[in-house]
C-alpha atoms as a PDB file:
ATOM      1  CA  MET A   1    -219.919  57.022 -82.511  1.00  0.00           C
ATOM      2  CA  SER A   2    -216.173  56.601 -82.739  1.00  0.00           C
ATOM      3  CA  ALA A   3    -214.438  53.989 -80.556  1.00  0.00           C
ATOM      4  CA  LEU A   4    -211.980  56.525 -79.447  1.00  0.00           C
ATOM      5  CA  ARG A   5    -212.297  59.770 -77.391  1.00  0.00           C
ATOM      6  CA  LEU A   6    -209.548  62.303 -76.738  1.00  0.00           C
ATOM      7  CA  LEU A   7    -209.928  64.967 -74.038  1.00  0.00           C
ATOM      8  CA  ILE A   8    -207.463  67.770 -73.239  1.00  0.00           C
ATOM      9  CA  SER A   9    -207.848  69.908 -70.193  1.00  0.00           C
ATOM     10  CA  HIS A  10    -206.645  73.491 -70.220  1.00  0.00           C
ATOM     11  CA  SER A  11    -207.392  73.716 -66.502  1.00  0.00           C
ATOM     12  CA  HIS A  12    -204.582  73.488 -63.834  1.00  0.00           C
ATOM     13  CA  ASP A  13    -207.004  72.731 -61.046  1.00  0.00           C
ATOM     14  CA  PRO A  14    -206.678  69.354 -59.693  1.00  0.00           C
ATOM     15  CA  TRP A  15    -210.202  69.201 -58.396  1.00  0.00           C
ATOM     16  CA  PHE A  16    -211.516  70.091 -61.708  1.00  0.00           C
ATOM     17  CA  ASN A  17    -209.432  67.671 -63.564  1.00  0.00           C
ATOM     18  CA  LEU A  18    -210.236  64.796 -61.224  1.00  0.00           C
ATOM     19  CA  ALA A  19    -213.977  65.526 -61.372  1.00  0.00           C
ATOM     20  CA  VAL A  20    -213.855  65.409 -65.227  1.00  0.00           C
ATOM     21  CA  GLU A  21    -211.944  62.182 -64.947  1.00  0.00           C
ATOM     22  CA  GLU A  22    -214.525  60.660 -62.460  1.00  0.00           C
ATOM     23  CA  CYS A  23    -217.592  61.750 -64.610  1.00  0.00           C
ATOM     24  CA  ILE A  24    -216.127  60.526 -67.807  1.00  0.00           C
ATOM     25  CA  PHE A  25    -215.217  57.170 -66.219  1.00  0.00           C
ATOM     26  CA  ARG A  26    -218.816  56.706 -64.799  1.00  0.00           C
ATOM     27  CA  GLN A  27    -220.642  57.725 -68.093  1.00  0.00           C
ATOM     28  CA  MET A  28    -218.374  56.418 -70.905  1.00  0.00           C
ATOM     29  CA  PRO A  29    -220.030  53.919 -73.241  1.00  0.00           C
ATOM     30  CA  ALA A  30    -218.758  50.321 -72.997  1.00  0.00           C
ATOM     31  CA  THR A  31    -217.497  50.505 -76.560  1.00  0.00           C
ATOM     32  CA  GLN A  32    -215.241  53.714 -76.060  1.00  0.00           C
ATOM     33  CA  ARG A  33    -211.515  54.006 -75.415  1.00  0.00           C
ATOM     34  CA  VAL A  34    -210.601  57.264 -73.791  1.00  0.00           C
ATOM     35  CA  LEU A  35    -207.527  59.223 -73.481  1.00  0.00           C
ATOM     36  CA  PHE A  36    -207.568  62.291 -71.131  1.00  0.00           C
ATOM     37  CA  LEU A  37    -204.451  64.582 -70.915  1.00  0.00           C
ATOM     38  CA  TRP A  38    -204.000  67.165 -68.139  1.00  0.00           C
ATOM     39  CA  ARG A  39    -201.747  68.590 -65.563  1.00  0.00           C
ATOM     40  CA  ASN A  40    -202.103  70.356 -62.205  1.00  0.00           C
ATOM     41  CA  ALA A  41    -200.510  73.444 -60.719  1.00  0.00           C
ATOM     42  CA  ASP A  42    -198.869  73.120 -57.137  1.00  0.00           C
ATOM     43  CA  THR A  43    -200.790  70.155 -55.746  1.00  0.00           C
ATOM     44  CA  VAL A  44    -200.219  67.100 -53.552  1.00  0.00           C
ATOM     45  CA  VAL A  45    -202.375  64.264 -54.797  1.00  0.00           C
ATOM     46  CA  ILE A  46    -202.905  61.318 -52.497  1.00  0.00           C
ATOM     47  CA  GLY A  47    -204.271  57.876 -52.900  1.00  0.00           C
ATOM     48  CA  ARG A  48    -207.847  56.929 -51.981  1.00  0.00           C
ATOM     49  CA  ALA A  49    -206.824  55.101 -48.701  1.00  0.00           C
ATOM     50  CA  GLN A  50    -204.059  57.559 -47.582  1.00  0.00           C
ATOM     51  CA  ASN A  51    -203.944  59.835 -44.509  1.00  0.00           C
ATOM     52  CA  PRO A  52    -202.923  63.365 -45.559  1.00  0.00           C
ATOM     53  CA  TRP A  53    -201.624  64.167 -42.019  1.00  0.00           C
ATOM     54  CA  LYS A  54    -199.360  61.224 -42.160  1.00  0.00           C
ATOM     55  CA  GLU A  55    -198.219  61.549 -45.684  1.00  0.00           C
ATOM     56  CA  CYS A  56    -197.808  65.278 -46.293  1.00  0.00           C
ATOM     57  CA  ASN A  57    -196.539  68.417 -44.510  1.00  0.00           C
ATOM     58  CA  THR A  58    -200.040  69.979 -44.374  1.00  0.00           C
ATOM     59  CA  ARG A  59    -198.687  73.002 -42.593  1.00  0.00           C
ATOM     60  CA  ARG A  60    -196.185  73.835 -45.282  1.00  0.00           C
ATOM     61  CA  MET A  61    -198.690  73.191 -47.951  1.00  0.00           C
ATOM     62  CA  GLU A  62    -201.194  75.655 -46.272  1.00  0.00           C
ATOM     63  CA  GLN A  63    -198.338  78.261 -46.052  1.00  0.00           C
ATOM     64  CA  ASP A  64    -197.368  77.853 -49.751  1.00  0.00           C
ATOM     65  CA  ASN A  65    -200.921  77.618 -51.178  1.00  0.00           C
ATOM     66  CA  VAL A  66    -200.466  74.031 -52.349  1.00  0.00           C
ATOM     67  CA  LYS A  67    -203.702  72.153 -52.811  1.00  0.00           C
ATOM     68  CA  LEU A  68    -204.575  68.761 -51.434  1.00  0.00           C
ATOM     69  CA  ALA A  69    -206.389  66.391 -53.786  1.00  0.00           C
ATOM     70  CA  ARG A  70    -207.621  62.854 -53.047  1.00  0.00           C
ATOM     71  CA  ARG A  71    -207.970  60.675 -56.099  1.00  0.00           C
ATOM     72  CA  SER A  72    -210.250  57.741 -56.378  1.00  0.00           C
ATOM     73  CA  SER A  73    -207.487  55.262 -57.088  1.00  0.00           C
ATOM     74  CA  GLY A  74    -204.962  53.630 -54.862  1.00  0.00           C
ATOM     75  CA  GLY A  75    -201.333  54.199 -54.521  1.00  0.00           C
ATOM     76  CA  GLY A  76    -199.243  56.874 -52.807  1.00  0.00           C
ATOM     77  CA  ALA A  77    -198.826  60.597 -52.562  1.00  0.00           C
ATOM     78  CA  VAL A  78    -197.206  62.629 -55.361  1.00  0.00           C
ATOM     79  CA  PHE A  79    -196.416  66.273 -55.734  1.00  0.00           C
ATOM     80  CA  HIS A  80    -197.665  67.883 -59.122  1.00  0.00           C
ATOM     81  CA  ASP A  81    -196.684  71.167 -60.656  1.00  0.00           C
ATOM     82  CA  LEU A  82    -196.732  72.304 -64.293  1.00  0.00           C
ATOM     83  CA  GLY A  83    -193.600  70.284 -64.984  1.00  0.00           C
ATOM     84  CA  ASN A  84    -195.715  67.069 -64.765  1.00  0.00           C
ATOM     85  CA  THR A  85    -197.846  65.882 -67.650  1.00  0.00           C
ATOM     86  CA  CYS A  86    -200.870  63.589 -66.457  1.00  0.00           C
ATOM     87  CA  PHE A  87    -202.630  60.911 -68.533  1.00  0.00           C
ATOM     88  CA  THR A  88    -205.654  58.778 -68.032  1.00  0.00           C
ATOM     89  CA  PHE A  89    -206.536  55.750 -70.268  1.00  0.00           C
ATOM     90  CA  MET A  90    -210.104  54.409 -69.747  1.00  0.00           C
ATOM     91  CA  ALA A  91    -211.808  51.334 -71.317  1.00  0.00           C
ATOM     92  CA  ALA A  92    -214.556  48.836 -70.536  1.00  0.00           C
ATOM     93  CA  LYS A  93    -213.894  45.271 -69.684  1.00  0.00           C
ATOM     94  CA  PRO A  94    -212.698  42.904 -70.942  1.00  0.00           C
ATOM     95  CA  GLU A  95    -210.693  45.188 -73.345  1.00  0.00           C
ATOM     96  CA  TYR A  96    -209.366  47.242 -70.306  1.00  0.00           C
ATOM     97  CA  ASP A  97    -205.611  46.128 -69.955  1.00  0.00           C
ATOM     98  CA  LYS A  98    -203.146  48.396 -68.152  1.00  0.00           C
ATOM     99  CA  SER A  99    -200.334  46.611 -70.068  1.00  0.00           C
ATOM    100  CA  VAL A 100    -201.711  48.125 -73.256  1.00  0.00           C
ATOM    101  CA  SER A 101    -201.884  51.771 -71.878  1.00  0.00           C
ATOM    102  CA  THR A 102    -198.333  51.254 -70.355  1.00  0.00           C
ATOM    103  CA  ALA A 103    -197.130  50.239 -73.764  1.00  0.00           C
ATOM    104  CA  ILE A 104    -198.571  53.192 -75.265  1.00  0.00           C
ATOM    105  CA  VAL A 105    -196.732  55.525 -73.061  1.00  0.00           C
ATOM    106  CA  ILE A 106    -193.473  53.681 -73.625  1.00  0.00           C
ATOM    107  CA  ASP A 107    -194.058  54.107 -77.287  1.00  0.00           C
ATOM    108  CA  ALA A 108    -194.714  57.826 -76.898  1.00  0.00           C
ATOM    109  CA  LEU A 109    -191.525  58.212 -74.954  1.00  0.00           C
ATOM    110  CA  ARG A 110    -189.645  56.231 -77.681  1.00  0.00           C
ATOM    111  CA  ARG A 111    -190.880  58.806 -80.191  1.00  0.00           C
ATOM    112  CA  LEU A 112    -189.244  61.496 -78.030  1.00  0.00           C
ATOM    113  CA  GLY A 113    -186.052  59.675 -77.936  1.00  0.00           C
ATOM    114  CA  VAL A 114    -186.444  58.266 -74.440  1.00  0.00           C
ATOM    115  CA  SER A 115    -185.939  54.611 -73.727  1.00  0.00           C
ATOM    116  CA  ALA A 116    -188.123  53.616 -70.738  1.00  0.00           C
ATOM    117  CA  SER A 117    -189.176  50.342 -69.177  1.00  0.00           C
ATOM    118  CA  ALA A 118    -191.944  49.317 -66.812  1.00  0.00           C
ATOM    119  CA  SER A 119    -190.684  48.593 -63.288  1.00  0.00           C
ATOM    120  CA  GLY A 120    -192.497  47.062 -60.367  1.00  0.00           C
ATOM    121  CA  ARG A 121    -196.205  47.611 -59.856  1.00  0.00           C
ATOM    122  CA  ASN A 122    -196.583  50.905 -61.457  1.00  0.00           C
ATOM    123  CA  ASP A 123    -193.476  52.817 -62.345  1.00  0.00           C
ATOM    124  CA  LEU A 124    -191.578  53.674 -65.549  1.00  0.00           C
ATOM    125  CA  VAL A 125    -187.876  54.115 -65.240  1.00  0.00           C
ATOM    126  CA  MET A 126    -184.772  55.033 -67.277  1.00  0.00           C
ATOM    127  CA  GLU A 127    -181.552  53.399 -66.817  1.00  0.00           C
ATOM    128  CA  THR A 128    -178.783  55.994 -66.079  1.00  0.00           C
ATOM    129  CA  ALA A 129    -175.153  55.721 -65.126  1.00  0.00           C
ATOM    130  CA  GLU A 130    -176.193  56.176 -61.460  1.00  0.00           C
ATOM    131  CA  GLY A 131    -178.871  53.310 -61.663  1.00  0.00           C
ATOM    132  CA  PRO A 132    -182.498  53.383 -62.671  1.00  0.00           C
ATOM    133  CA  ARG A 133    -184.562  56.559 -62.164  1.00  0.00           C
ATOM    134  CA  LYS A 134    -188.247  56.850 -61.963  1.00  0.00           C
ATOM    135  CA  ILE A 135    -189.810  59.162 -64.515  1.00  0.00           C
ATOM    136  CA  SER A 136    -193.399  58.066 -64.219  1.00  0.00           C
ATOM    137  CA  GLY A 137    -195.781  56.648 -61.608  1.00  0.00           C
ATOM    138  CA  SER A 138    -199.207  55.161 -62.121  1.00  0.00           C
ATOM    139  CA  ALA A 139    -202.368  54.175 -60.249  1.00  0.00           C
ATOM    140  CA  TYR A 140    -205.218  52.256 -61.319  1.00  0.00           C
ATOM    141  CA  ARG A 141    -208.963  51.726 -60.598  1.00  0.00           C
ATOM    142  CA  GLU A 142    -211.361  48.979 -61.638  1.00  0.00           C
ATOM    143  CA  THR A 143    -215.064  48.522 -61.159  1.00  0.00           C
ATOM    144  CA  ARG A 144    -217.176  45.569 -62.285  1.00  0.00           C
ATOM    145  CA  ASP A 145    -217.412  46.517 -65.941  1.00  0.00           C
ATOM    146  CA  ARG A 146    -214.606  49.249 -66.586  1.00  0.00           C
ATOM    147  CA  GLY A 147    -211.166  50.368 -65.507  1.00  0.00           C
ATOM    148  CA  PHE A 148    -208.714  53.198 -65.794  1.00  0.00           C
ATOM    149  CA  HIS A 149    -204.956  53.698 -65.691  1.00  0.00           C
ATOM    150  CA  HIS A 150    -203.708  57.229 -64.832  1.00  0.00           C
ATOM    151  CA  GLY A 151    -200.252  58.393 -64.116  1.00  0.00           C
ATOM    152  CA  THR A 152    -197.811  61.339 -64.402  1.00  0.00           C
ATOM    153  CA  LEU A 153    -194.684  61.968 -66.503  1.00  0.00           C
ATOM    154  CA  LEU A 154    -191.926  63.995 -64.839  1.00  0.00           C
ATOM    155  CA  LEU A 155    -190.841  66.631 -67.540  1.00  0.00           C
ATOM    156  CA  ASN A 156    -189.180  69.470 -65.621  1.00  0.00           C
ATOM    157  CA  ALA A 157    -190.923  69.342 -62.331  1.00  0.00           C
ATOM    158  CA  ASP A 158    -189.202  71.140 -59.411  1.00  0.00           C
ATOM    159  CA  LEU A 159    -188.029  67.939 -57.622  1.00  0.00           C
ATOM    160  CA  SER A 160    -186.611  70.055 -54.661  1.00  0.00           C
ATOM    161  CA  ARG A 161    -190.227  70.815 -53.742  1.00  0.00           C
ATOM    162  CA  LEU A 162    -191.062  67.098 -53.315  1.00  0.00           C
ATOM    163  CA  ALA A 163    -189.276  67.104 -49.970  1.00  0.00           C
ATOM    164  CA  ASN A 164    -191.116  70.316 -48.841  1.00  0.00           C
ATOM    165  CA  TYR A 165    -194.532  68.636 -49.011  1.00  0.00           C
ATOM    166  CA  LEU A 166    -194.171  64.875 -49.041  1.00  0.00           C
ATOM    167  CA  ASN A 167    -192.132  64.703 -45.909  1.00  0.00           C
ATOM    168  CA  PRO A 168    -194.654  65.064 -43.090  1.00  0.00           C
ATOM    169  CA  ASP A 169    -194.066  66.780 -39.806  1.00  0.00           C
ATOM    170  CA  ARG A 170    -193.009  64.216 -37.214  1.00  0.00           C
ATOM    171  CA  LYS A 171    -196.355  63.833 -35.484  1.00  0.00           C
ATOM    172  CA  LYS A 172    -197.113  61.086 -33.085  1.00  0.00           C
ATOM    173  CA  LEU A 173    -199.708  59.510 -35.204  1.00  0.00           C
ATOM    174  CA  GLN A 174    -200.849  55.881 -35.044  1.00  0.00           C
ATOM    175  CA  ALA A 175    -202.410  55.732 -38.459  1.00  0.00           C
ATOM    176  CA  LYS A 176    -203.892  53.153 -40.696  1.00  0.00           C
ATOM    177  CA  GLY A 177    -203.936  53.324 -44.491  1.00  0.00           C
ATOM    178  CA  ILE A 178    -201.540  52.991 -47.318  1.00  0.00           C
ATOM    179  CA  THR A 179    -198.072  54.471 -46.774  1.00  0.00           C
ATOM    180  CA  SER A 180    -196.149  55.973 -49.792  1.00  0.00           C
ATOM    181  CA  VAL A 181    -192.994  54.381 -50.971  1.00  0.00           C
ATOM    182  CA  ARG A 182    -190.445  57.054 -52.064  1.00  0.00           C
ATOM    183  CA  GLY A 183    -188.317  56.204 -55.120  1.00  0.00           C
ATOM    184  CA  ARG A 184    -185.471  58.051 -56.726  1.00  0.00           C
ATOM    185  CA  VAL A 185    -186.936  60.217 -59.486  1.00  0.00           C
ATOM    186  CA  ALA A 186    -185.600  62.121 -62.466  1.00  0.00           C
ATOM    187  CA  ASN A 187    -186.979  64.637 -65.053  1.00  0.00           C
ATOM    188  CA  LEU A 188    -187.216  63.772 -68.719  1.00  0.00           C
ATOM    189  CA  SER A 189    -185.547  67.232 -69.320  1.00  0.00           C
ATOM    190  CA  ASP A 190    -182.335  65.746 -67.820  1.00  0.00           C
ATOM    191  CA  PHE A 191    -182.237  63.477 -70.924  1.00  0.00           C
ATOM    192  CA  VAL A 192    -184.117  65.474 -73.544  1.00  0.00           C
ATOM    193  CA  GLU A 193    -183.455  69.209 -73.745  1.00  0.00           C
ATOM    194  CA  GLN A 194    -186.380  71.629 -74.126  1.00  0.00           C
ATOM    195  CA  ILE A 195    -188.942  68.831 -73.737  1.00  0.00           C
ATOM    196  CA  SER A 196    -192.542  70.444 -73.348  1.00  0.00           C
ATOM    197  CA  HIS A 197    -195.884  69.427 -72.158  1.00  0.00           C
ATOM    198  CA  GLN A 198    -197.254  69.927 -75.753  1.00  0.00           C
ATOM    199  CA  GLN A 199    -194.548  67.664 -77.230  1.00  0.00           C
ATOM    200  CA  VAL A 200    -195.330  64.896 -74.694  1.00  0.00           C
ATOM    201  CA  CYS A 201    -199.151  65.205 -75.278  1.00  0.00           C
ATOM    202  CA  ASP A 202    -198.677  65.063 -78.973  1.00  0.00           C
ATOM    203  CA  ALA A 203    -196.418  61.913 -78.735  1.00  0.00           C
ATOM    204  CA  VAL A 204    -198.896  60.242 -76.328  1.00  0.00           C
ATOM    205  CA  GLU A 205    -201.849  61.031 -78.806  1.00  0.00           C
ATOM    206  CA  ALA A 206    -199.960  59.732 -81.710  1.00  0.00           C
ATOM    207  CA  ALA A 207    -199.040  56.453 -80.004  1.00  0.00           C
ATOM    208  CA  PHE A 208    -202.702  56.095 -78.847  1.00  0.00           C
ATOM    209  CA  PHE A 209    -204.060  56.702 -82.375  1.00  0.00           C
ATOM    210  CA  ASP A 210    -201.574  54.356 -83.883  1.00  0.00           C
ATOM    211  CA  HIS A 211    -202.332  51.613 -81.470  1.00  0.00           C
ATOM    212  CA  TYR A 212    -206.030  51.719 -82.150  1.00  0.00           C
ATOM    213  CA  GLY A 213    -205.748  52.576 -85.987  1.00  0.00           C
ATOM    214  CA  GLU A 214    -208.086  55.514 -85.755  1.00  0.00           C
ATOM    215  CA  ARG A 215    -207.902  59.267 -85.190  1.00  0.00           C
ATOM    216  CA  VAL A 216    -210.373  61.591 -83.542  1.00  0.00           C
ATOM    217  CA  ALA A 217    -210.488  65.420 -82.959  1.00  0.00           C
ATOM    218  CA  PRO A 218    -209.670  66.440 -79.452  1.00  0.00           C
ATOM    219  CA  GLU A 219    -212.251  67.918 -77.082  1.00  0.00           C
ATOM    220  CA  TYR A 220    -210.740  70.846 -75.082  1.00  0.00           C
ATOM    221  CA  ILE A 221    -212.194  71.473 -71.657  1.00  0.00           C
ATOM    222  CA  SER A 222    -211.689  74.154 -68.983  1.00  0.00           C
ATOM    223  CA  PRO A 223    -213.750  75.861 -66.340  1.00  0.00           C
ATOM    224  CA  ASP A 224    -214.689  78.358 -68.948  1.00  0.00           C
ATOM    225  CA  ALA A 225    -215.617  75.479 -71.382  1.00  0.00           C
ATOM    226  CA  ALA A 226    -217.025  73.186 -68.930  1.00  0.00           C
ATOM    227  CA  PRO A 227    -217.658  69.697 -70.145  1.00  0.00           C
ATOM    228  CA  ASP A 228    -221.302  68.687 -70.709  1.00  0.00           C
ATOM    229  CA  LEU A 229    -221.299  65.866 -68.241  1.00  0.00           C
ATOM    230  CA  PRO A 230    -224.296  64.963 -66.103  1.00  0.00           C
ATOM    231  CA  GLY A 231    -223.733  65.554 -62.382  1.00  0.00           C
ATOM    232  CA  PHE A 232    -220.417  67.352 -63.055  1.00  0.00           C
ATOM    233  CA  ALA A 233    -221.150  70.255 -60.569  1.00  0.00           C
ATOM    234  CA  GLU A 234    -221.957  67.705 -57.812  1.00  0.00           C
ATOM    235  CA  THR A 235    -218.830  65.629 -58.576  1.00  0.00           C
ATOM    236  CA  PHE A 236    -216.706  68.833 -58.506  1.00  0.00           C
ATOM    237  CA  ALA A 237    -218.252  70.004 -55.303  1.00  0.00           C
ATOM    238  CA  ARG A 238    -217.336  66.631 -53.581  1.00  0.00           C
ATOM    239  CA  GLN A 239    -213.780  66.493 -55.123  1.00  0.00           C
ATOM    240  CA  SER A 240    -213.092  70.015 -53.791  1.00  0.00           C
ATOM    241  CA  SER A 241    -214.516  69.550 -50.364  1.00  0.00           C
ATOM    242  CA  TRP A 242    -212.687  69.117 -47.068  1.00  0.00           C
ATOM    243  CA  GLU A 243    -214.770  66.137 -46.276  1.00  0.00           C
ATOM    244  CA  TRP A 244    -213.451  64.176 -49.273  1.00  0.00           C
ATOM    245  CA  ASN A 245    -209.781  65.427 -49.211  1.00  0.00           C
ATOM    246  CA  PHE A 246    -209.167  65.356 -45.480  1.00  0.00           C
ATOM    247  CA  GLY A 247    -212.260  63.727 -44.057  1.00  0.00           C
ATOM    248  CA  GLN A 248    -211.888  60.444 -45.858  1.00  0.00           C
ATOM    249  CA  ALA A 249    -208.677  59.689 -44.100  1.00  0.00           C
ATOM    250  CA  PRO A 250    -208.574  56.226 -42.403  1.00  0.00           C
ATOM    251  CA  ALA A 251    -209.130  56.276 -38.699  1.00  0.00           C
ATOM    252  CA  PHE A 252    -206.038  57.311 -36.632  1.00  0.00           C
ATOM    253  CA  SER A 253    -204.914  58.300 -33.207  1.00  0.00           C
ATOM    254  CA  HIS A 254    -202.749  61.422 -32.451  1.00  0.00           C
ATOM    255  CA  LEU A 255    -200.776  62.019 -29.209  1.00  0.00           C
ATOM    256  CA  LEU A 256    -199.845  65.722 -28.543  1.00  0.00           C
ATOM    257  CA  ASP A 257    -197.746  66.703 -25.488  1.00  0.00           C
ATOM    258  CA  GLU A 258    -196.093  69.938 -24.368  1.00  0.00           C
ATOM    259  CA  ARG A 259    -194.846  71.472 -21.282  1.00  0.00           C
ATOM    260  CA  PHE A 260    -195.872  75.132 -20.592  1.00  0.00           C
ATOM    261  CA  VAL A 261    -194.750  77.354 -17.797  1.00  0.00           C
ATOM    262  CA  TRP A 262    -198.055  76.657 -16.021  1.00  0.00           C
ATOM    263  CA  GLY A 263    -197.925  72.930 -16.461  1.00  0.00           C
ATOM    264  CA  GLY A 264    -197.679  69.882 -18.779  1.00  0.00           C
ATOM    265  CA  VAL A 265    -200.422  68.885 -21.128  1.00  0.00           C
ATOM    266  CA  GLU A 266    -200.870  65.551 -22.936  1.00  0.00           C
ATOM    267  CA  LEU A 267    -203.783  65.157 -25.453  1.00  0.00           C
ATOM    268  CA  HIS A 268    -204.917  61.877 -26.919  1.00  0.00           C
ATOM    269  CA  PHE A 269    -207.186  62.200 -30.028  1.00  0.00           C
ATOM    270  CA  ASP A 270    -209.057  59.403 -31.816  1.00  0.00           C
ATOM    271  CA  VAL A 271    -209.985  60.700 -35.206  1.00  0.00           C
ATOM    272  CA  GLU A 272    -212.528  59.085 -37.715  1.00  0.00           C
ATOM    273  CA  LYS A 273    -213.665  60.571 -40.881  1.00  0.00           C
ATOM    274  CA  GLY A 274    -211.780  63.790 -40.073  1.00  0.00           C
ATOM    275  CA  HIS A 275    -213.592  64.413 -36.739  1.00  0.00           C
ATOM    276  CA  ILE A 276    -212.408  63.798 -33.153  1.00  0.00           C
ATOM    277  CA  THR A 277    -214.419  60.901 -31.770  1.00  0.00           C
ATOM    278  CA  ARG A 278    -212.529  60.819 -28.363  1.00  0.00           C
ATOM    279  CA  CYS A 279    -210.363  63.269 -26.632  1.00  0.00           C
ATOM    280  CA  GLN A 280    -208.474  62.494 -23.399  1.00  0.00           C
ATOM    281  CA  MET A 281    -206.608  65.399 -21.575  1.00  0.00           C
ATOM    282  CA  PHE A 282    -203.901  64.768 -18.902  1.00  0.00           C
ATOM    283  CA  THR A 283    -202.261  67.723 -17.162  1.00  0.00           C
ATOM    284  CA  ASP A 284    -200.484  68.688 -13.861  1.00  0.00           C
ATOM    285  CA  SER A 285    -201.667  72.234 -14.175  1.00  0.00           C
ATOM    286  CA  LEU A 286    -202.942  73.671 -10.925  1.00  0.00           C
ATOM    287  CA  GLU A 287    -206.065  74.680 -12.534  1.00  0.00           C
ATOM    288  CA  PRO A 288    -207.185  71.597 -14.583  1.00  0.00           C
ATOM    289  CA  THR A 289    -210.963  72.436 -14.979  1.00  0.00           C
ATOM    290  CA  PRO A 290    -210.836  74.512 -18.077  1.00  0.00           C
ATOM    291  CA  LEU A 291    -208.660  71.809 -19.727  1.00  0.00           C
ATOM    292  CA  GLU A 292    -211.079  69.100 -18.777  1.00  0.00           C
ATOM    293  CA  TRP A 293    -213.880  71.181 -20.158  1.00  0.00           C
ATOM    294  CA  LEU A 294    -211.912  71.646 -23.352  1.00  0.00           C
ATOM    295  CA  ALA A 295    -211.371  67.866 -23.810  1.00  0.00           C
ATOM    296  CA  LYS A 296    -215.238  67.360 -23.748  1.00  0.00           C
ATOM    297  CA  ARG A 297    -215.742  70.265 -26.224  1.00  0.00           C
ATOM    298  CA  LEU A 298    -213.160  68.940 -28.714  1.00  0.00           C
ATOM    299  CA  GLU A 299    -215.018  65.685 -29.087  1.00  0.00           C
ATOM    300  CA  GLY A 300    -217.148  65.791 -32.281  1.00  0.00           C
ATOM    301  CA  SER A 301    -214.973  68.673 -33.719  1.00  0.00           C
ATOM    302  CA  ALA A 302    -213.528  68.566 -37.225  1.00  0.00           C
ATOM    303  CA  TYR A 303    -209.789  67.789 -37.057  1.00  0.00           C
ATOM    304  CA  ARG A 304    -208.902  71.207 -38.409  1.00  0.00           C
ATOM    305  CA  SER A 305    -206.606  73.707 -36.807  1.00  0.00           C
ATOM    306  CA  GLU A 306    -208.837  76.679 -37.087  1.00  0.00           C
ATOM    307  CA  VAL A 307    -211.787  74.818 -35.571  1.00  0.00           C
ATOM    308  CA  LEU A 308    -209.833  73.562 -32.672  1.00  0.00           C
ATOM    309  CA  LYS A 309    -208.460  76.910 -31.896  1.00  0.00           C
ATOM    310  CA  VAL A 310    -211.888  78.565 -31.924  1.00  0.00           C
ATOM    311  CA  GLN A 311    -213.055  75.954 -29.306  1.00  0.00           C
ATOM    312  CA  CYS A 312    -210.073  76.821 -27.126  1.00  0.00           C
ATOM    313  CA  ASP A 313    -210.575  80.713 -27.465  1.00  0.00           C
ATOM    314  CA  ALA A 314    -214.363  80.182 -26.790  1.00  0.00           C
ATOM    315  CA  LEU A 315    -213.546  78.937 -23.200  1.00  0.00           C
ATOM    316  CA  VAL A 316    -211.734  82.281 -22.483  1.00  0.00           C
ATOM    317  CA  GLU A 317    -215.149  83.937 -21.651  1.00  0.00           C
ATOM    318  CA  GLU A 318    -216.010  81.162 -19.218  1.00  0.00           C
ATOM    319  CA  PHE A 319    -212.617  81.017 -17.530  1.00  0.00           C
ATOM    320  CA  PRO A 320    -211.113  84.519 -17.832  1.00  0.00           C
ATOM    321  CA  ASP A 321    -208.633  83.922 -15.212  1.00  0.00           C
ATOM    322  CA  GLN A 322    -206.905  81.325 -17.368  1.00  0.00           C
ATOM    323  CA  ALA A 323    -207.328  83.434 -20.556  1.00  0.00           C
ATOM    324  CA  SER A 324    -203.626  83.562 -21.431  1.00  0.00           C
ATOM    325  CA  GLN A 325    -203.199  79.791 -20.866  1.00  0.00           C
ATOM    326  CA  LEU A 326    -206.067  78.937 -23.033  1.00  0.00           C
ATOM    327  CA  ARG A 327    -204.925  81.201 -25.829  1.00  0.00           C
ATOM    328  CA  GLU A 328    -201.413  79.656 -25.638  1.00  0.00           C
ATOM    329  CA  LEU A 329    -202.995  76.188 -25.594  1.00  0.00           C
ATOM    330  CA  GLY A 330    -205.204  76.921 -28.596  1.00  0.00           C
ATOM    331  CA  ALA A 331    -202.341  78.282 -30.716  1.00  0.00           C
ATOM    332  CA  TRP A 332    -200.176  75.148 -29.885  1.00  0.00           C
ATOM    333  CA  ILE A 333    -203.059  72.756 -30.715  1.00  0.00           C
ATOM    334  CA  ALA A 334    -203.661  74.518 -33.955  1.00  0.00           C
ATOM    335  CA  GLN A 335    -199.993  74.319 -35.009  1.00  0.00           C
ATOM    336  CA  ALA A 336    -199.803  70.655 -33.866  1.00  0.00           C
ATOM    337  CA  VAL A 337    -202.606  69.286 -36.115  1.00  0.00           C
ATOM    338  CA  SER A 338    -202.109  71.544 -39.128  1.00  0.00           C
END
């Protein structure tokens, strides 16, 4: 068996690509060095310990059909489109060394005429007249006997969209977890005209092969040519699930308050694993009973706008005299948590 393995994904689905990465990482032989090249269409990828409601504008993402994908590594939130090239290097210990994979990427960029250097914990930067600009960010994962380094290279990403999805609504969240650090970024196309995903992949492959002194044929994968990986279907199901992408958020509290014509409402949610564990309702409404009932019904519910709206609407039958108030309240809660 060759010491090297090269996989290239033709899928733009982040859940598919991250499931492939996870399966390969779990199952690779200890003697193998793996390079996986891929890219995602319109996606926000968050770190394993992040809260999507805190890091992302989840409402705008839903409106624009932008997927959320939680990766198994740490680090912050990033926006991916087809102007990003993603790479993953994997190796067993003690050979796993992220400085080696970083050097391979820097060598690949040099072959494209780009002079980049490592900066801070996990970035690659280029020096410009306006100062350093981040062109690549990375994250890492290590287990007892192996590790991986994955990251993105900004080729010609639509940087204007970063602000659309990585600036969350100003929710009143008290949230634990890792908060993203925003850096000043730039596209490689600002420095190398007509740079393409294929060019970058070719350069990274060449640097990878030259470093190890061996070449192998690439394995192309896609949903139509699914990888022969034990447990892939189960891994993909988990990677694409709401329970993983949203429900794995660290515990947090959310305060909602609003004044309606019929009275003021203040809601306090405690949320764990994406479900409301405690709900307190305060109101000066002249008819507080349906709101008190609602607070009890919301406990145990998934912290999902459509679920909470259904709970509000379900009370209409029990309190028909307050139907318009409950519908107004349901619409407000749904918007506030999305």
